[in-house]
Each structure stands twice: as C-alpha cells, then as structure tokens.
Amino acid sequence: MLAEQYMALADFLAHDGRLAEALSAYRQALTLDPWNPYAHAGKALILRRLERYDQARAAMMATSASIGFALRQAYEPTP
C-alpha cells in the first residue's frame, strides 16, 4: 500500500473508534513517507485521544519539522 492509503485507513479506523489500529496505520504511513506532515499530525491526534500526551507532543513537533522540510524542498533553488 501507499502512504496515502495507510492514512485513509487510519482515518477510517479512528472514526470507527479503533484508535490502536489507527495509530498502527499512521506508523505504517510514516514508514513509507517519513516527512509526511499529515501522517505526523494524524498520529499526534490519535495519541492525544489515547491520553498519551508526551508522545502526542513529540508527534506534533515532528509535524512542525516535516512542514519545515517540505517548505525548504519547495522553495530552495535547484542547481
């Protein structure tokens, strides 16, 4: 599966209340696309719902870093 497919599965599972499975799907998405800010944010939201606040905070920091990475990639001049 592609990272986007894992993210769609995670969203479905989260909506269905299957949070542990949703978290696993977000982790799979991040294995395939480690700089995907949407996957990091989704993971953070699931962790928050699971009341794993320290891990949620770390995931949100990863979201911020991945957004910065994406912006650098988009705006750096190509040689």
Protein backbone atom coordinates (compact mmCIF):
# COMPACT_ATOMS: atom_id res chain seq x y z
CA MET A 1 0.00 0.00 0.00
CA LEU A 2 0.99 3.62 -0.43
CA ALA A 3 1.39 6.05 2.47
CA GLU A 4 -1.82 7.82 1.42
CA GLN A 5 -3.73 4.54 1.57
CA TYR A 6 -2.47 3.86 5.10
CA MET A 7 -3.54 7.38 6.08
CA ALA A 8 -7.02 6.82 4.65
CA LEU A 9 -7.24 3.55 6.55
CA ALA A 10 -6.07 5.29 9.73
CA ASP A 11 -8.73 7.98 9.33
CA PHE A 12 -11.42 5.32 8.87
CA LEU A 13 -10.22 3.35 11.90
CA ALA A 14 -10.05 6.47 14.07
CA HIS A 15 -13.57 7.45 13.05
CA ASP A 16 -14.68 3.93 14.00
CA GLY A 17 -13.02 4.31 17.43
CA ARG A 18 -10.30 1.75 16.70
CA LEU A 19 -7.52 4.01 17.91
CA ALA A 20 -4.73 1.45 18.41
CA GLU A 21 -5.24 0.20 14.86
CA ALA A 22 -5.37 3.77 13.54
CA LEU A 23 -2.09 4.55 15.28
CA SER A 24 -0.53 1.49 13.67
CA ALA A 25 -1.74 2.60 10.23
CA TYR A 26 -0.27 6.09 10.72
CA ARG A 27 3.02 4.50 11.72
CA GLN A 28 2.95 2.41 8.54
CA ALA A 29 2.33 5.58 6.51
CA LEU A 30 5.31 7.24 8.17
CA THR A 31 7.49 4.24 7.41
CA LEU A 32 6.74 4.80 3.73
CA ASP A 33 6.80 8.62 3.82
CA PRO A 34 8.67 9.82 6.93
CA TRP A 35 8.31 13.53 6.08
CA ASN A 36 4.53 13.50 5.58
CA PRO A 37 3.14 16.23 7.86
CA TYR A 38 -0.43 14.91 7.60
CA ALA A 39 0.62 11.50 8.88
CA HIS A 40 2.54 13.08 11.76
CA ALA A 41 -0.45 15.25 12.65
CA GLY A 42 -2.86 12.32 12.47
CA LYS A 43 -0.58 10.27 14.69
CA ALA A 44 -0.44 13.14 17.19
CA LEU A 45 -4.22 13.43 17.29
CA ILE A 46 -4.61 9.71 17.92
CA LEU A 47 -2.02 9.80 20.69
CA ARG A 48 -3.86 12.71 22.27
CA ARG A 49 -7.13 10.77 22.14
CA LEU A 50 -5.32 7.89 23.83
CA GLU A 51 -4.17 10.38 26.52
CA ARG A 52 -0.52 9.73 25.70
CA TYR A 53 0.27 13.42 25.91
CA ASP A 54 4.08 13.31 25.89
CA GLN A 55 4.08 11.17 22.77
CA ALA A 56 1.44 13.41 21.19
CA ARG A 57 3.60 16.46 21.87
CA ALA A 58 6.60 14.76 20.25
CA ALA A 59 4.49 13.83 17.23
CA MET A 60 3.34 17.44 16.88
CA MET A 61 6.97 18.57 16.97
CA ALA A 62 7.66 16.07 14.17
CA THR A 63 4.73 17.59 12.28
CA SER A 64 6.35 21.00 12.54
CA ALA A 65 9.70 19.65 11.40
CA SER A 66 8.15 17.87 8.42
CA ILE A 67 6.34 21.04 7.36
CA GLY A 68 9.65 22.93 7.52
CA PHE A 69 11.29 20.22 5.44
CA ALA A 70 8.52 20.39 2.82
CA LEU A 71 8.79 24.18 2.62
CA ARG A 72 12.57 24.03 2.16
CA GLN A 73 12.13 21.47 -0.60
CA ALA A 74 9.54 23.64 -2.32
CA TYR A 75 11.43 26.92 -2.15
CA GLU A 76 15.11 26.03 -2.39
CA PRO A 77 16.54 26.95 -5.75
CA THR A 78 17.53 23.97 -7.85
CA PRO A 79 21.08 23.93 -9.23
